[in-house]
């Protein structure tokens, strides 16, 4: 696949599938038509790609899908005693949709309750967001073969159950909400996979802000929706300070609050206040509260609020105890109770997926380094670097490894 085509695929795949699925009410048809359009683009875009690649792909995929629908109608009519009129494009258009965003509508559709909960978000990330099986497996801390099997089973379930493209109405949103929010969580995390925000999924960041804004309008009294929207705004507000002048990642505790986006922080605070008034102890509300605590830091001269952050993590673990939460808690624990206690907490984590989870090795390396265990710290930094970090994070890890080597 050529570079222009690869870029178009990453930037527009999800929106194109969402638009095609909304138009034809058939997710498989949308995927197949878009795949054929991409195949045609390989030759059609030589030597110069079109001015608007996404529009070109949508037009071609639409023609392909229309041809398949019409051929299917002709075949069906041949088996009936009376002719069946050929469908028009207008008849194929989706009726008034209860979800005013094509991408969000498709996410809700893919998170069908007939699909096993463990596979809903994974399937959606694969189909809608275009993430690879490896990327999704790493995000959910499961081995790649296990994730691949879940996706296959989910696809078979869809085929056996005859689940078509049907955007759920408001009465069906609640049962799909957790999988939808998990999907948005991982999609946004991919946007920050590189500290510089220039990775292949960087465009998801702004899109997630838009989608969560829509979601808060759809479900204005759902605390976890409000909290996730707040979290994304707090995190996105810090983007300008996440990279230094040399393109290296800047850890959160070293970021200059003066560079943060105050408008996004204010939006996040307003959303979080609404969530706290409804359900202050819900997991995503507590997670948003941690981000809010960081964003309340007035300047670098003010010490990081480690004690308050550790207390919130303790409350979060009481309602959502998972390895990633405990790993993040260990960072705060190191500042409050010391690196030895934090390293003990990190080494107590037990989950196969952690072996390929870059932040686990980076946190552990930092603790080992501060404890003076140079050999083990160097090995941990090496392991983190072997997991293909983004450019900004790679620079930071190499700098820290050099400090161990030269220390």
Protein backbone atom coordinates (compact mmCIF):
# COMPACT_ATOMS: atom_id res chain seq x y z
CA UNK A 1 0.00 0.00 0.00
CA UNK A 2 1.43 3.37 -1.04
CA UNK A 3 2.12 6.09 1.52
CA UNK A 4 -0.78 8.39 0.48
CA UNK A 5 -3.14 5.43 0.58
CA UNK A 6 -1.84 4.29 3.96
CA UNK A 7 -2.33 7.77 5.37
CA UNK A 8 -5.87 7.95 3.98
CA UNK A 9 -6.64 4.54 5.44
CA UNK A 10 -5.56 5.55 8.93
CA UNK A 11 -7.21 8.97 8.82
CA UNK A 12 -10.55 8.10 7.26
CA UNK A 13 -11.20 4.34 7.57
CA UNK A 14 -13.48 4.54 10.59
CA UNK A 15 -15.51 7.46 9.29
CA UNK A 16 -15.87 5.85 5.86
CA UNK A 17 -17.08 2.54 7.31
CA UNK A 18 -19.46 4.41 9.60
CA UNK A 19 -20.89 6.41 6.68
CA UNK A 20 -21.21 3.35 4.44
CA UNK A 21 -22.77 1.24 7.19
CA UNK A 22 -25.22 4.02 7.98
CA UNK A 23 -26.19 4.27 4.32
CA UNK A 24 -26.55 0.57 3.55
CA UNK A 25 -27.40 -0.83 7.02
CA UNK A 26 -24.92 -3.63 6.52
CA UNK A 27 -21.55 -3.61 8.28
CA UNK A 28 -20.09 -6.51 6.29
CA UNK A 29 -21.08 -4.83 3.01
CA UNK A 30 -19.48 -1.58 4.19
CA UNK A 31 -16.21 -3.33 5.07
CA UNK A 32 -16.10 -5.32 1.82
CA UNK A 33 -16.91 -2.32 -0.37
CA UNK A 34 -14.29 -0.16 1.29
CA UNK A 35 -11.68 -2.90 1.03
CA UNK A 36 -12.34 -3.16 -2.72
CA UNK A 37 -12.16 0.63 -3.06
CA UNK A 38 -8.74 0.61 -1.39
CA UNK A 39 -7.62 -2.17 -3.73
CA UNK A 40 -8.66 -0.10 -6.75
CA UNK A 41 -6.88 2.96 -5.32
CA UNK A 42 -3.54 1.15 -5.49
CA UNK A 43 -3.58 1.47 -9.27
CA UNK A 44 -5.92 4.45 -9.71
CA UNK A 45 -3.77 6.72 -7.54
CA UNK A 46 -0.66 6.21 -9.64
CA UNK A 47 1.24 8.47 -10.00
CA UNK A 48 -0.78 11.20 -8.22
CA UNK A 49 -3.48 10.67 -5.58
CA UNK A 50 -6.75 12.64 -5.83
CA UNK A 51 -7.13 16.02 -4.14
CA UNK A 52 -9.62 14.57 -1.64
CA UNK A 53 -8.67 10.91 -1.04
CA UNK A 54 -11.45 10.24 1.49
CA UNK A 55 -14.14 11.56 -0.87
CA UNK A 56 -12.73 9.44 -3.71
CA UNK A 57 -12.77 6.32 -1.55
CA UNK A 58 -16.32 7.00 -0.37
CA UNK A 59 -17.63 7.52 -3.92
CA UNK A 60 -15.99 4.35 -5.23
CA UNK A 61 -17.04 2.26 -2.23
CA UNK A 62 -20.61 3.55 -2.55
CA UNK A 63 -20.74 2.51 -6.23
CA UNK A 64 -19.37 -0.93 -5.32
CA UNK A 65 -21.94 -1.37 -2.55
CA UNK A 66 -24.81 -0.19 -4.79
CA UNK A 67 -23.77 -2.65 -7.49
CA UNK A 68 -23.77 -5.51 -4.99
CA UNK A 69 -27.17 -4.54 -3.59
CA UNK A 70 -28.67 -4.28 -7.07
CA UNK A 71 -27.20 -7.59 -8.19
CA UNK A 72 -28.58 -9.22 -5.05
CA UNK A 73 -32.01 -7.71 -5.80
CA UNK A 74 -31.91 -9.02 -9.36
CA UNK A 75 -30.99 -12.52 -8.15
CA UNK A 76 -33.79 -12.41 -5.59
CA UNK A 77 -36.30 -11.22 -8.18
CA UNK A 78 -35.41 -14.12 -10.48
CA UNK A 79 -36.69 -16.57 -7.88
CA UNK A 80 -40.06 -14.80 -7.41
CA UNK A 81 -43.20 -14.92 -9.52
CA UNK A 82 -43.47 -11.12 -9.64
CA UNK A 83 -40.63 -8.72 -10.42
CA UNK A 84 -39.13 -6.74 -7.57
CA UNK A 85 -38.36 -3.08 -8.30
CA UNK A 86 -34.71 -2.11 -8.19
CA UNK A 87 -33.89 -0.19 -4.98
CA UNK A 88 -32.98 3.43 -5.32
CA UNK A 89 -30.14 5.11 -3.52
CA UNK A 90 -32.67 7.06 -1.46
CA UNK A 91 -34.28 3.82 -0.28
CA UNK A 92 -30.89 2.64 0.89
CA UNK A 93 -30.26 5.73 3.00
CA UNK A 94 -30.69 5.30 6.71
CA UNK A 95 -33.78 6.84 8.30
CA UNK A 96 -33.56 9.44 11.05
CA UNK A 97 -30.80 8.18 13.34
CA UNK A 98 -31.20 8.47 17.13
CA UNK A 99 -27.43 9.02 17.46
CA UNK A 100 -26.33 12.25 15.73
CA UNK A 101 -22.82 11.08 14.82
CA UNK A 102 -22.00 8.35 12.29
CA UNK A 103 -18.86 7.11 14.07
CA UNK A 104 -20.57 7.00 17.47
CA UNK A 105 -23.62 5.31 15.96
CA UNK A 106 -21.42 2.57 14.53
CA UNK A 107 -19.64 2.13 17.87
CA UNK A 108 -22.99 1.64 19.63
CA UNK A 109 -24.05 -0.77 16.89
CA UNK A 110 -20.91 -2.92 17.18
CA UNK A 111 -21.28 -3.10 20.98
CA UNK A 112 -24.25 -5.45 20.54
CA UNK A 113 -25.31 -7.36 23.70
CA UNK A 114 -25.30 -10.64 21.76
CA UNK A 115 -21.50 -10.34 21.50
CA UNK A 116 -19.49 -11.45 24.54
CA UNK A 117 -18.59 -8.44 26.72
CA UNK A 118 -14.85 -9.17 26.41
CA UNK A 119 -15.07 -8.91 22.64
CA UNK A 120 -17.39 -5.93 22.13
CA UNK A 121 -14.89 -3.14 22.59
CA UNK A 122 -12.15 -5.13 20.86
CA UNK A 123 -14.32 -5.77 17.79
CA UNK A 124 -15.33 -2.12 17.63
CA UNK A 125 -11.73 -0.94 17.84
CA UNK A 126 -10.79 -3.31 15.04
CA UNK A 127 -13.69 -2.46 12.72
CA UNK A 128 -14.37 1.20 13.46
CA UNK A 129 -10.99 2.54 14.51
CA UNK A 130 -8.78 0.28 12.41
CA UNK A 131 -6.46 -0.71 15.27
CA UNK A 132 -4.42 -3.86 14.72
CA UNK A 133 -4.97 -7.01 16.75
CA UNK A 134 -1.58 -6.46 18.36
CA UNK A 135 -2.46 -2.90 19.43
CA UNK A 136 -5.80 -3.96 20.89
CA UNK A 137 -4.27 -6.93 22.73
CA UNK A 138 -1.64 -4.65 24.25
CA UNK A 139 -4.32 -2.16 25.35
CA UNK A 140 -6.36 -4.87 27.11
CA UNK A 141 -3.29 -6.68 28.51
CA UNK A 142 -4.13 -10.02 26.91
CA UNK A 143 -1.97 -12.22 24.64
CA UNK A 144 -2.44 -11.47 20.95
CA UNK A 145 -3.63 -15.05 20.07
CA UNK A 146 -6.30 -14.79 22.79
CA UNK A 147 -7.55 -11.48 21.42
CA UNK A 148 -7.55 -12.84 17.87
CA UNK A 149 -9.71 -15.78 18.97
CA UNK A 150 -12.17 -13.42 20.65
CA UNK A 151 -12.50 -11.39 17.46
CA UNK A 152 -13.11 -14.51 15.39
CA UNK A 153 -15.78 -15.73 17.83
CA UNK A 154 -17.44 -12.30 17.80
CA UNK A 155 -17.58 -12.30 13.99
CA UNK A 156 -19.08 -15.81 14.00
CA UNK A 157 -21.64 -14.74 16.58
CA UNK A 158 -22.70 -11.86 14.38
CA UNK A 159 -23.06 -14.20 11.39
CA UNK A 160 -24.98 -16.89 13.32
CA UNK A 161 -27.30 -14.43 15.04
CA UNK A 162 -27.95 -12.49 11.86
CA UNK A 163 -27.02 -9.23 13.54
CA UNK A 164 -27.28 -6.52 10.92
CA UNK A 165 -26.66 -2.80 11.03
CA UNK A 166 -29.33 -1.38 13.32
CA UNK A 167 -28.55 1.74 15.31
CA UNK A 168 -29.94 1.20 18.82
CA UNK A 169 -32.47 3.61 20.27
CA UNK A 170 -32.19 5.27 23.69
CA UNK A 171 -33.72 2.29 25.49
CA UNK A 172 -30.74 0.14 24.41
CA UNK A 173 -27.93 2.58 25.14
CA UNK A 174 -27.42 1.70 28.82
CA UNK A 175 -26.64 -1.99 28.21
CA UNK A 176 -24.03 -1.07 25.60
CA UNK A 177 -22.56 1.93 27.38
CA UNK A 178 -19.67 0.30 29.23
CA UNK A 179 -18.31 -1.27 26.03
CA UNK A 180 -18.75 2.05 24.20
CA UNK A 181 -16.83 3.92 26.89
CA UNK A 182 -14.09 1.28 26.92
CA UNK A 183 -13.76 1.68 23.15
CA UNK A 184 -13.43 5.46 23.45
CA UNK A 185 -10.92 5.01 26.29
CA UNK A 186 -8.60 2.85 24.19
CA UNK A 187 -9.03 4.94 21.04
CA UNK A 188 -8.02 8.06 22.96
CA UNK A 189 -5.07 6.26 24.54
CA UNK A 190 -3.85 5.39 21.05
CA UNK A 191 -3.92 9.09 20.17
CA UNK A 192 -1.40 9.61 22.96
CA UNK A 193 0.72 6.57 22.15
CA UNK A 194 3.45 9.01 21.10
CA UNK A 195 4.16 11.84 23.51
CA UNK A 196 4.55 14.27 20.62
CA UNK A 197 1.04 13.52 19.39
CA UNK A 198 2.22 12.74 15.87
CA UNK A 199 1.67 8.98 15.81
CA UNK A 200 -0.63 7.25 13.30
CA UNK A 201 -3.69 7.66 15.56
CA UNK A 202 -3.03 11.24 16.73
CA UNK A 203 -6.15 12.49 14.95
CA UNK A 204 -8.30 10.45 17.34
CA UNK A 205 -7.65 12.96 20.14
CA UNK A 206 -9.76 15.79 18.73
CA UNK A 207 -12.30 13.34 17.37
CA UNK A 208 -12.76 11.82 20.83
CA UNK A 209 -13.41 15.29 22.22
CA UNK A 210 -16.13 15.76 19.62
CA UNK A 211 -17.65 12.31 20.14
CA UNK A 212 -17.72 12.61 23.93
CA UNK A 213 -19.34 16.03 23.62
CA UNK A 214 -22.10 14.39 21.56
CA UNK A 215 -22.38 11.60 24.09
CA UNK A 216 -22.85 14.04 26.98
CA UNK A 217 -25.73 15.61 25.05
CA UNK A 218 -27.29 12.19 24.48
CA UNK A 219 -26.85 11.09 28.12
CA UNK A 220 -26.53 14.29 30.18
CA UNK A 221 -27.16 12.57 33.53
CA UNK A 222 -24.83 9.58 33.10
CA UNK A 223 -21.87 10.19 35.46
CA UNK A 224 -19.40 7.92 33.67
CA UNK A 225 -20.11 9.64 30.35
CA UNK A 226 -19.54 13.04 31.94
CA UNK A 227 -16.41 11.78 33.68
CA UNK A 228 -14.85 10.30 30.55
CA UNK A 229 -15.53 13.52 28.66
CA UNK A 230 -13.87 15.43 31.51
CA UNK A 231 -10.85 13.09 31.57
CA UNK A 232 -10.24 13.55 27.86
CA UNK A 233 -10.37 17.32 28.21
CA UNK A 234 -7.95 17.33 31.13
CA UNK A 235 -5.55 15.05 29.25
CA UNK A 236 -5.82 16.97 25.99
CA UNK A 237 -5.28 20.26 27.84
CA UNK A 238 -1.81 19.05 28.82
CA UNK A 239 -0.73 18.15 25.29
CA UNK A 240 1.21 21.41 24.63
CA UNK A 241 3.55 20.66 27.55
CA UNK A 242 4.10 16.97 26.92
CA UNK A 243 7.17 17.40 24.71
CA UNK A 244 10.27 19.53 25.19
CA UNK A 245 12.12 21.57 22.58
CA UNK A 246 14.12 18.53 21.46
CA UNK A 247 11.02 16.40 20.88
CA UNK A 248 11.48 14.30 24.03
CA UNK A 249 8.58 13.35 26.29
CA UNK A 250 8.11 15.40 29.48
CA UNK A 251 6.69 13.40 32.43
CA UNK A 252 3.52 14.84 33.94
CA UNK A 253 5.23 15.89 37.17
CA UNK A 254 7.75 17.94 35.16
CA UNK A 255 5.28 19.63 32.81
CA UNK A 256 4.84 23.40 33.02
CA UNK A 257 1.18 24.14 33.93
CA UNK A 258 1.53 27.56 32.28
CA UNK A 259 1.48 25.78 28.91
CA UNK A 260 -1.72 23.86 29.57
CA UNK A 261 -4.96 24.75 27.76
CA UNK A 262 -7.05 26.61 30.37
CA UNK A 263 -10.23 26.48 28.27
CA UNK A 264 -10.18 22.68 28.07
CA UNK A 265 -9.41 22.47 31.79
CA UNK A 266 -12.43 24.64 32.57
CA UNK A 267 -14.63 22.43 30.35
CA UNK A 268 -13.33 19.36 32.15
CA UNK A 269 -13.97 20.88 35.57
CA UNK A 270 -17.57 21.70 34.67
CA UNK A 271 -18.23 18.18 33.39
CA UNK A 272 -16.58 16.61 36.43
CA UNK A 273 -18.63 18.77 38.80
CA UNK A 274 -21.81 17.39 37.23
CA UNK A 275 -20.54 13.82 37.51
CA UNK A 276 -19.49 14.26 41.15
CA UNK A 277 -22.94 15.60 42.03
CA UNK A 278 -24.55 12.41 40.67
CA UNK A 279 -22.18 9.58 41.63
CA UNK A 280 -18.87 10.60 43.23
CA UNK A 281 -17.58 7.04 43.77
CA UNK A 282 -17.97 5.66 40.24
CA UNK A 283 -14.69 4.41 38.67
CA UNK A 284 -14.46 6.85 35.80
CA UNK A 285 -15.48 9.73 38.06
CA UNK A 286 -12.58 8.93 40.40
CA UNK A 287 -10.22 8.57 37.43
CA UNK A 288 -11.30 12.01 36.19
CA UNK A 289 -10.73 13.37 39.70
CA UNK A 290 -7.07 12.30 39.50
CA UNK A 291 -6.66 14.25 36.26
CA UNK A 292 -8.41 17.24 37.83
CA UNK A 293 -6.04 17.14 40.78
CA UNK A 294 -3.08 17.37 38.41
CA UNK A 295 -4.69 20.19 36.43
CA UNK A 296 -5.21 22.19 39.63
CA UNK A 297 -1.42 22.57 40.02
CA UNK A 298 -0.78 26.30 39.50
CA UNK A 299 2.91 26.20 38.53
CA UNK A 300 6.08 24.13 38.55
CA UNK A 301 7.06 25.91 41.76
CA UNK A 302 4.17 24.16 43.52
CA UNK A 303 5.02 20.53 44.43
CA UNK A 304 2.91 17.82 42.76
CA UNK A 305 -0.13 16.80 44.85
CA UNK A 306 1.13 13.24 45.40
CA UNK A 307 -0.66 12.57 48.70
CA UNK A 308 -4.04 13.63 47.32
CA UNK A 309 -3.48 11.60 44.15
CA UNK A 310 -2.52 8.49 46.15
CA UNK A 311 -5.68 8.84 48.24
CA UNK A 312 -7.84 8.99 45.11
CA UNK A 313 -6.07 5.93 43.68
CA UNK A 314 -6.84 4.06 46.90
CA UNK A 315 -10.51 4.96 46.50
CA UNK A 316 -10.41 3.93 42.83
CA UNK A 317 -8.91 0.51 43.62
CA UNK A 318 -11.79 -0.11 46.02
CA UNK A 319 -14.24 0.05 43.09
CA UNK A 320 -12.04 -0.94 40.11
CA UNK A 321 -9.02 -3.01 40.99
CA UNK A 322 -6.93 -3.73 37.91
CA UNK A 323 -3.19 -3.88 37.08
CA UNK A 324 -3.07 -0.55 35.24
CA UNK A 325 -4.68 1.29 38.15
CA UNK A 326 -2.26 -0.34 40.59
CA UNK A 327 0.70 0.49 38.33
CA UNK A 328 -0.30 4.16 38.20
CA UNK A 329 -0.87 4.12 41.97
CA UNK A 330 2.70 2.86 42.44
CA UNK A 331 4.04 6.04 40.84
CA UNK A 332 2.30 8.13 43.51
CA UNK A 333 3.20 5.62 46.22
CA UNK A 334 6.90 6.07 45.43
CA UNK A 335 6.63 9.78 46.22
CA UNK A 336 4.68 9.28 49.44
CA UNK A 337 6.01 6.01 50.93
CA UNK A 338 9.29 5.57 49.04
CA UNK A 339 10.56 3.66 46.01
CA UNK A 340 11.02 0.36 47.87
CA UNK A 341 7.32 0.17 48.75
CA UNK A 342 6.39 1.15 45.19
CA UNK A 343 8.67 -1.47 43.62
CA UNK A 344 7.18 -4.13 45.89
CA UNK A 345 3.71 -3.12 44.68
CA UNK A 346 4.80 -3.22 41.03
CA UNK A 347 6.49 -6.61 41.37
CA UNK A 348 3.33 -7.97 42.99
CA UNK A 349 1.34 -7.34 39.81
CA UNK A 350 0.49 -10.60 38.11
CA UNK A 351 -0.96 -10.58 34.60
CA UNK A 352 0.51 -12.10 31.42
CA UNK A 353 -0.14 -9.01 29.32
CA UNK A 354 2.12 -6.87 31.52
CA UNK A 355 5.17 -8.48 29.92
CA UNK A 356 4.43 -6.53 26.73
CA UNK A 357 3.05 -3.40 28.42
CA UNK A 358 5.61 -0.64 27.94
CA UNK A 359 4.54 1.58 30.89
CA UNK A 360 5.05 -1.35 33.28
CA UNK A 361 8.72 -1.68 32.30
CA UNK A 362 9.25 2.10 32.25
CA UNK A 363 7.83 2.56 35.76
CA UNK A 364 9.78 -0.40 37.09
CA UNK A 365 13.00 0.87 35.48
CA UNK A 366 12.59 4.26 37.10
CA UNK A 367 12.06 2.74 40.55
CA UNK A 368 15.07 0.44 40.17
CA UNK A 369 17.19 3.38 39.05
CA UNK A 370 16.21 5.50 42.06
CA UNK A 371 16.99 2.56 44.37
CA UNK A 372 20.50 2.33 42.91
CA UNK A 373 19.94 -1.04 41.23
CA UNK A 374 21.65 0.01 38.03
CA UNK A 375 21.95 -3.36 36.32
CA UNK A 376 18.29 -4.23 36.76
CA UNK A 377 17.26 -0.69 35.82
CA UNK A 378 19.25 -0.86 32.60
CA UNK A 379 17.64 -4.18 31.69
CA UNK A 380 14.18 -2.76 32.39
CA UNK A 381 14.85 0.30 30.21
CA UNK A 382 16.10 -2.01 27.46
CA UNK A 383 12.89 -4.03 27.69
CA UNK A 384 10.76 -0.87 27.47
CA UNK A 385 12.71 0.32 24.43
CA UNK A 386 12.24 -3.06 22.74
CA UNK A 387 8.47 -2.51 22.76
CA UNK A 388 8.57 0.12 19.99
CA UNK A 389 7.74 3.33 21.87
CA UNK A 390 6.82 6.50 19.99
CA UNK A 391 9.62 8.88 19.07
CA UNK A 392 9.12 11.25 22.02
CA UNK A 393 8.94 8.45 24.55
CA UNK A 394 11.90 6.67 22.94
CA UNK A 395 14.07 9.75 23.42
CA UNK A 396 13.09 10.02 27.08
CA UNK A 397 13.73 6.31 27.74
CA UNK A 398 17.12 6.47 26.02
CA UNK A 399 18.06 9.49 28.11
CA UNK A 400 17.11 7.71 31.31
CA UNK A 401 19.00 4.57 30.23
CA UNK A 402 22.06 6.69 29.55
CA UNK A 403 21.82 8.13 33.06
CA UNK A 404 21.93 4.59 34.44
CA UNK A 405 24.86 3.62 32.20
CA UNK A 406 26.89 6.75 32.98
CA UNK A 407 25.77 7.11 36.56
